[in-house]
Amino acid sequence: MNMSVDLPDYLLPARPEWAENPYILAWWSDAHDQVVEQAIEIAAWDYPWFAVQSLVAMTPERNLQEWRATDPVCQRYAWENVLAYFVVARARATGRESAVTAPRELTCLRCGSAFKENSLTGGHLARLGPERENIKYCKQCCDDCLYDNPMHDRGQTKASIRQWVRDLADLIQAVPPSGLFDQPGFIEMVSGDDAQTRLMELGSRRPTLAKIRRKFGGPDGRDAWFKLLVASGVLEDGTQHTVRGIRSVAKDGHVCLSLAERTIDDWLSTSGIAHTKEPAYPEGNFRADFLVNGCYIEYFGLVGDAAYDAKIALKRKIAVAHDMALVEVFPKDMAHWAETKAALLSRLGVAGSR
């Protein structure tokens, strides 16, 4: 049986009977169909893989486990592929796939070459983000800029790596995490074609983690990235510096005294988390960095400096005396921001985003 007749090359082939998989239909609902519709609207021809991520996220794990354990097709093929081709077959059978728009022919903002949107791989699209407006670079430039490449290590010195991470922090106006270029939608950290192309260029010359380990740390890559951020001046270290970092204005207008502080402030505001800047302690002439949901947040950037450590001790004492919820963040926490954000959300008792 032919899978399709005159199917455009940007759509996946699928047999009609795949839409009748009883093991998937056992937990499928109208809400799942709506997710597929949204995926088509957002990701166009790439909708099957985008839909799979959302479908898995919304479906109870027990349903997925039962399906994977009982569906004989899952014993022969990767379950993600089974679900993706079910999505295609169902979208085609229900007429939803007719809303898929054809890939555009675009001009790469980095190299100027012409390319079609569907020439990019799923890995490229995952990093650029699902929005089609983020597709501005050809496959060759994406290969060059989005992935770790030992070729980028040629000629890299400690000085050039320090400059690279300073340039990255200056561009995104935040403390860069070690896996920034692997994060979904990382390109959205900056706005505008020029800034996003500069971010891609920085990706094209980023040193590998192995190189950073050799230059700045031992076998622990996490420690090496932190040491690089300190050595470049992006993060403060009270044992080496006694002056606070770069003063800047956050997206919500708050004045921040370091990139780390601004990183926290911008995350709170873009996540829709209400916060107060520099709330006063109940006693003493002290202020915290933020107040969120009754919790005081302190970024202790100069920990290790004797006078600063004494101030930290006093703040902790006041917090205990007044039964204050005090959340402490340190430079090493900022070097691994994704984990820190998750911990903060849990401590603060609020919902947020990436």
Protein backbone atom coordinates (compact mmCIF):
# COMPACT_ATOMS: atom_id res chain seq x y z
CA MET A 1 0.00 0.00 0.00
CA ASN A 2 1.31 3.43 -0.89
CA MET A 3 1.80 5.64 2.13
CA SER A 4 0.81 8.78 0.26
CA VAL A 5 0.03 10.14 -3.17
CA ASP A 6 1.88 13.23 -4.42
CA LEU A 7 3.09 13.98 -0.90
CA PRO A 8 5.31 17.09 -0.69
CA ASP A 9 8.92 16.26 0.20
CA TYR A 10 8.69 18.25 3.43
CA LEU A 11 6.00 15.97 4.93
CA LEU A 12 6.67 12.58 6.45
CA PRO A 13 5.12 9.50 4.79
CA ALA A 14 2.68 7.56 6.96
CA ARG A 15 0.26 4.69 6.40
CA PRO A 16 -3.38 5.59 7.15
CA GLU A 17 -3.79 2.60 9.48
CA TRP A 18 -1.11 3.99 11.78
CA ALA A 19 -3.71 6.51 12.95
CA GLU A 20 -5.77 3.61 14.34
CA ASN A 21 -3.16 2.37 16.83
CA PRO A 22 -5.40 1.14 19.70
CA TYR A 23 -2.63 1.32 22.28
CA ILE A 24 -2.19 5.04 21.74
CA LEU A 25 -5.89 5.74 21.24
CA ALA A 26 -6.49 4.23 24.70
CA TRP A 27 -5.11 7.42 26.27
CA TRP A 28 -5.54 9.88 23.41
CA SER A 29 -8.02 12.74 23.90
CA ASP A 30 -9.31 15.90 22.24
CA ALA A 31 -6.66 17.80 24.21
CA HIS A 32 -3.96 15.77 22.47
CA ASP A 33 -5.43 16.70 19.09
CA GLN A 34 -5.34 20.35 20.11
CA VAL A 35 -1.66 20.01 20.97
CA VAL A 36 -1.01 18.67 17.47
CA GLU A 37 -2.89 21.65 16.00
CA GLN A 38 -0.74 24.02 18.01
CA ALA A 39 2.41 22.21 16.93
CA ILE A 40 1.42 22.60 13.28
CA GLU A 41 0.80 26.30 13.80
CA ILE A 42 4.16 26.82 15.51
CA ALA A 43 6.51 24.36 13.82
CA ALA A 44 4.88 23.83 10.39
CA TRP A 45 6.52 20.87 8.57
CA ASP A 46 8.53 19.96 11.68
CA TYR A 47 5.37 19.56 13.77
CA PRO A 48 5.64 15.80 14.50
CA TRP A 49 8.76 16.13 16.64
CA PHE A 50 7.62 19.32 18.31
CA ALA A 51 4.26 17.69 19.06
CA VAL A 52 5.88 14.60 20.58
CA GLN A 53 7.65 16.69 23.24
CA SER A 54 4.40 18.44 24.23
CA LEU A 55 2.33 15.25 24.13
CA VAL A 56 4.73 13.43 26.43
CA ALA A 57 4.77 16.38 28.83
CA MET A 58 0.98 16.45 29.14
CA THR A 59 0.31 12.70 29.35
CA PRO A 60 0.45 10.85 32.71
CA GLU A 61 3.60 8.75 32.88
CA ARG A 62 1.60 5.64 33.84
CA ASN A 63 -0.29 5.87 30.52
CA LEU A 64 2.93 6.20 28.56
CA GLN A 65 4.54 3.30 30.42
CA GLU A 66 1.57 1.02 29.79
CA TRP A 67 1.51 1.95 26.10
CA ARG A 68 5.25 1.37 25.64
CA ALA A 69 5.05 -1.97 27.46
CA THR A 70 2.05 -3.36 25.55
CA ASP A 71 2.30 -1.92 22.03
CA PRO A 72 4.13 -4.52 19.90
CA VAL A 73 5.35 -1.80 17.53
CA CYS A 74 7.31 -0.27 20.41
CA GLN A 75 9.20 -3.54 20.71
CA ARG A 76 10.53 -3.07 17.17
CA TYR A 77 10.99 0.69 16.90
CA ALA A 78 11.89 3.62 19.17
CA TRP A 79 8.70 4.70 20.93
CA GLU A 80 9.33 8.37 20.07
CA ASN A 81 9.24 7.47 16.37
CA VAL A 82 6.11 5.35 16.83
CA LEU A 83 4.35 8.32 18.43
CA ALA A 84 5.62 10.77 15.81
CA TYR A 85 4.32 8.69 12.91
CA PHE A 86 1.00 8.16 14.70
CA VAL A 87 0.76 11.95 14.98
CA VAL A 88 1.40 12.32 11.25
CA ALA A 89 -1.14 9.70 10.30
CA ARG A 90 -3.80 11.13 12.62
CA ALA A 91 -3.17 14.74 11.56
CA ARG A 92 -3.50 13.64 7.93
CA ALA A 93 -6.62 11.54 8.55
CA THR A 94 -8.38 14.32 10.45
CA GLY A 95 -7.43 17.01 7.94
CA ARG A 96 -5.32 18.96 10.40
CA GLU A 97 -2.15 18.56 8.35
CA SER A 98 -3.64 20.67 5.57
CA ALA A 99 -2.72 23.70 7.69
CA VAL A 100 1.00 22.98 7.34
CA THR A 101 2.69 25.72 5.35
CA ALA A 102 5.46 24.94 2.88
CA PRO A 103 9.06 25.72 3.88
CA ARG A 104 10.21 29.17 2.87
CA GLU A 105 13.37 29.91 0.92
CA LEU A 106 15.45 32.31 2.99
CA THR A 107 18.78 34.10 2.95
CA CYS A 108 21.18 33.26 5.76
CA LEU A 109 21.93 36.33 7.86
CA ARG A 110 25.43 35.07 8.62
CA CYS A 111 26.82 33.94 5.26
CA GLY A 112 24.29 35.33 2.77
CA SER A 113 23.53 31.99 1.11
CA ALA A 114 20.03 30.90 0.10
CA PHE A 115 18.51 27.94 1.93
CA LYS A 116 15.17 26.25 2.59
CA GLU A 117 13.81 26.05 6.10
CA ASN A 118 13.42 22.28 5.97
CA SER A 119 17.13 21.80 5.28
CA LEU A 120 17.73 22.32 9.00
CA THR A 121 17.76 19.28 11.24
CA GLY A 122 15.71 18.69 14.37
CA GLY A 123 18.82 19.43 16.42
CA HIS A 124 19.19 22.83 14.79
CA LEU A 125 15.55 23.69 15.36
CA ALA A 126 15.66 22.53 18.98
CA ARG A 127 18.49 24.96 19.72
CA LEU A 128 17.08 27.87 17.73
CA GLY A 129 13.64 27.38 19.24
CA PRO A 130 10.31 26.35 17.71
CA GLU A 131 9.30 29.77 16.44
CA ARG A 132 9.84 30.03 12.67
CA GLU A 133 11.05 33.60 13.13
CA ASN A 134 14.18 32.12 14.72
CA ILE A 135 15.13 30.31 11.51
CA LYS A 136 17.57 32.80 9.99
CA TYR A 137 20.68 30.72 9.39
CA CYS A 138 21.54 27.99 6.89
CA LYS A 139 22.48 24.42 7.78
CA GLN A 140 26.21 25.04 7.34
CA CYS A 141 26.16 28.04 9.67
CA CYS A 142 24.05 26.13 12.19
CA ASP A 143 26.52 23.24 12.08
CA ASP A 144 29.37 25.70 12.60
CA CYS A 145 27.78 27.76 15.38
CA LEU A 146 25.49 25.50 17.40
CA TYR A 147 27.67 22.52 18.24
CA ASP A 148 30.81 21.84 20.24
CA ASN A 149 33.69 21.49 17.78
CA PRO A 150 37.33 20.67 18.64
CA MET A 151 38.36 22.68 15.58
CA HIS A 152 37.34 25.79 17.54
CA ASP A 153 40.12 25.06 20.03
CA ARG A 154 42.90 25.84 17.58
CA GLY A 155 44.94 28.78 18.77
CA GLN A 156 42.81 29.28 21.88
CA THR A 157 44.77 30.72 24.83
CA LYS A 158 43.66 31.49 28.36
CA ALA A 159 43.49 35.16 27.38
CA SER A 160 41.37 34.52 24.28
CA ILE A 161 38.99 32.27 26.20
CA ARG A 162 38.59 34.88 28.94
CA GLN A 163 37.82 37.50 26.27
CA TRP A 164 35.35 35.15 24.59
CA VAL A 165 33.31 34.61 27.76
CA ARG A 166 33.41 38.36 28.54
CA ASP A 167 32.07 39.09 25.05
CA LEU A 168 29.34 36.52 25.59
CA ALA A 169 28.31 37.99 28.94
CA ASP A 170 28.34 41.52 27.51
CA LEU A 171 26.09 40.47 24.66
CA ILE A 172 23.47 38.55 26.65
CA GLN A 173 23.79 40.84 29.69
CA ALA A 174 23.73 37.87 32.02
CA VAL A 175 26.02 35.27 33.52
CA PRO A 176 26.38 32.71 30.72
CA PRO A 177 25.78 29.07 31.68
CA SER A 178 28.23 26.49 30.39
CA GLY A 179 25.60 24.84 28.18
CA LEU A 180 24.10 28.03 26.78
CA PHE A 181 24.29 26.96 23.12
CA ASP A 182 22.58 23.65 23.92
CA GLN A 183 19.55 25.27 25.54
CA PRO A 184 16.29 25.22 23.54
CA GLY A 185 15.64 28.66 22.10
CA PHE A 186 18.95 30.09 23.33
CA ILE A 187 18.93 32.54 20.41
CA GLU A 188 16.04 34.37 22.12
CA MET A 189 18.38 35.51 24.89
CA VAL A 190 19.06 38.54 22.68
CA SER A 191 16.75 40.54 20.43
CA GLY A 192 17.26 41.70 16.86
CA ASP A 193 19.01 40.22 13.85
CA ASP A 194 22.38 41.87 14.53
CA ALA A 195 22.57 40.70 18.14
CA GLN A 196 21.43 37.18 17.28
CA THR A 197 24.01 36.94 14.49
CA ARG A 198 26.69 38.10 16.92
CA LEU A 199 25.56 35.36 19.29
CA MET A 200 25.88 32.81 16.49
CA GLU A 201 29.37 34.13 15.73
CA LEU A 202 30.36 33.63 19.35
CA GLY A 203 29.06 30.08 19.05
CA SER A 204 31.30 29.55 16.02
CA ARG A 205 34.42 30.21 18.08
CA ARG A 206 33.48 28.83 21.47
CA PRO A 207 36.12 26.65 23.10
CA THR A 208 35.19 23.09 23.99
CA LEU A 209 34.63 22.18 27.62
CA ALA A 210 37.69 19.92 27.36
CA LYS A 211 39.79 22.95 26.40
CA ILE A 212 38.34 24.99 29.28
CA ARG A 213 39.15 22.16 31.68
CA ARG A 214 42.74 22.07 30.50
CA LYS A 215 43.15 25.82 30.79
CA PHE A 216 41.16 26.67 33.91
CA GLY A 217 40.47 23.61 36.00
CA GLY A 218 40.96 19.96 36.75
CA PRO A 219 38.78 17.01 35.71
CA ASP A 220 35.64 18.63 37.11
CA GLY A 221 34.17 20.59 34.17
CA ARG A 222 31.69 22.36 36.44
CA ASP A 223 34.53 23.79 38.52
CA ALA A 224 36.46 24.80 35.40
CA TRP A 225 33.55 26.84 34.03
CA PHE A 226 33.17 28.64 37.35
CA LYS A 227 36.90 29.39 37.44
CA LEU A 228 36.70 30.77 33.91
CA LEU A 229 33.82 33.08 34.87
CA VAL A 230 35.81 34.34 37.86
CA ALA A 231 39.05 34.73 35.88
CA SER A 232 37.23 36.72 33.19
CA GLY A 233 35.60 39.04 35.73
CA VAL A 234 32.06 37.93 34.85
CA LEU A 235 31.56 36.56 38.36
CA GLU A 236 32.93 38.11 41.52
CA ASP A 237 35.12 36.18 43.92
CA GLY A 238 35.60 37.76 47.32
CA THR A 239 38.95 36.05 47.79
CA GLN A 240 40.31 37.93 44.79
CA HIS A 241 38.14 41.02 44.30
CA THR A 242 36.81 43.54 46.80
CA VAL A 243 34.85 45.72 44.37
CA ARG A 244 31.39 44.77 43.19
CA GLY A 245 30.73 44.03 39.54
CA ILE A 246 29.35 45.97 36.62
CA ARG A 247 26.37 48.24 37.35
CA SER A 248 23.52 47.85 34.86
CA VAL A 249 19.76 48.28 34.47
CA ALA A 250 17.60 45.16 34.31
CA LYS A 251 14.74 44.67 31.86
CA ASP A 252 12.21 45.86 34.44
CA GLY A 253 14.18 49.04 35.21
CA HIS A 254 15.79 47.85 38.44
CA VAL A 255 19.38 48.97 38.95
CA CYS A 256 21.65 45.96 39.54
CA LEU A 257 25.20 46.05 40.84
CA SER A 258 26.50 42.92 39.09
CA LEU A 259 25.71 40.71 36.11
CA ALA A 260 24.71 37.92 38.48
CA GLU A 261 22.21 40.17 40.23
CA ARG A 262 20.84 41.27 36.89
CA THR A 263 20.56 37.64 35.74
CA ILE A 264 18.33 36.91 38.72
CA ASP A 265 16.27 40.07 38.25
CA ASP A 266 15.70 39.46 34.52
CA TRP A 267 14.70 35.87 35.20
CA LEU A 268 12.17 36.96 37.81
CA SER A 269 10.62 39.59 35.56
CA THR A 270 10.51 37.51 32.35
CA SER A 271 9.03 34.61 34.33
CA GLY A 272 6.26 36.83 35.64
CA ILE A 273 7.38 36.45 39.25
CA ALA A 274 6.50 39.52 41.32
CA HIS A 275 9.50 40.81 43.25
CA THR A 276 10.68 43.78 45.26
CA LYS A 277 14.20 45.13 44.80
CA GLU A 278 16.37 45.87 47.85
CA PRO A 279 13.83 45.22 50.63
CA ALA A 280 14.95 46.35 54.09
CA TYR A 281 15.77 43.90 56.87
CA PRO A 282 13.61 44.21 60.03
CA GLU A 283 16.57 45.67 61.91
CA GLY A 284 19.96 47.15 61.17
CA ASN A 285 20.88 49.18 58.12
CA PHE A 286 20.72 46.17 55.80
CA ARG A 287 18.91 45.44 52.58
CA ALA A 288 18.47 42.17 50.69
CA ASP A 289 18.67 41.95 46.91
CA PHE A 290 15.10 40.75 46.33
CA LEU A 291 11.89 39.88 48.15
CA VAL A 292 9.71 37.20 46.50
CA ASN A 293 6.63 35.63 48.02
CA GLY A 294 7.80 36.46 51.54
CA CYS A 295 11.33 35.14 50.92
CA TYR A 296 14.42 37.36 50.97
CA ILE A 297 16.95 36.55 48.24
CA GLU A 298 20.60 37.46 48.70
CA TYR A 299 23.29 37.12 46.07
CA PHE A 300 26.47 36.83 48.12
CA GLY A 301 28.98 37.59 45.38
CA LEU A 302 31.95 38.52 47.55
CA VAL A 303 31.88 35.55 49.89
CA GLY A 304 35.40 34.88 51.08
CA ASP A 305 36.20 38.51 51.87
CA ALA A 306 36.50 38.83 55.67
CA ALA A 307 34.45 42.04 56.05
CA TYR A 308 31.80 40.77 53.63
CA ASP A 309 31.56 37.42 55.43
CA ALA A 310 30.98 39.23 58.71
CA LYS A 311 28.09 41.08 57.08
CA ILE A 312 26.64 37.78 55.84
CA ALA A 313 26.79 36.40 59.39
CA LEU A 314 24.87 39.40 60.74
CA LYS A 315 22.18 39.05 58.07
CA ARG A 316 21.77 35.38 58.89
CA LYS A 317 21.46 36.20 62.59
CA ILE A 318 18.74 38.79 61.90
CA ALA A 319 16.90 36.32 59.66
CA VAL A 320 16.84 33.69 62.41
CA ALA A 321 15.76 36.22 65.06
CA HIS A 322 12.83 37.41 62.95
CA ASP A 323 11.93 34.03 61.45
CA MET A 324 12.73 35.35 57.97
CA ALA A 325 12.96 33.01 54.96
CA LEU A 326 16.44 33.76 53.57
CA VAL A 327 17.51 32.26 50.22
CA GLU A 328 21.25 32.51 49.60
CA VAL A 329 22.81 32.45 46.12
CA PHE A 330 26.56 32.29 45.52
CA PRO A 331 28.82 32.74 42.48
CA LYS A 332 29.15 28.99 41.96
CA ASP A 333 25.36 28.75 41.81
CA MET A 334 25.30 31.27 38.96
CA ALA A 335 27.77 29.18 36.97
CA HIS A 336 25.08 26.48 36.80
CA TRP A 337 22.04 28.64 36.39
CA ALA A 338 19.60 26.04 35.07
CA GLU A 339 19.93 24.00 38.27
CA THR A 340 19.84 27.13 40.42
CA LYS A 341 16.61 28.35 38.81
CA ALA A 342 14.90 25.04 39.56
CA ALA A 343 16.07 25.19 43.18
CA LEU A 344 14.91 28.80 43.52
CA LEU A 345 11.44 27.99 42.20
CA SER A 346 11.14 25.24 44.79
CA ARG A 347 12.38 27.43 47.64
CA LEU A 348 10.23 30.40 46.66
CA GLY A 349 7.08 28.37 46.16
CA VAL A 350 6.20 30.04 42.87
CA ALA A 351 5.74 28.96 39.26
CA GLY A 352 8.13 30.25 36.63
CA SER A 353 9.69 29.58 33.24
CA ARG A 354 13.10 28.97 31.79
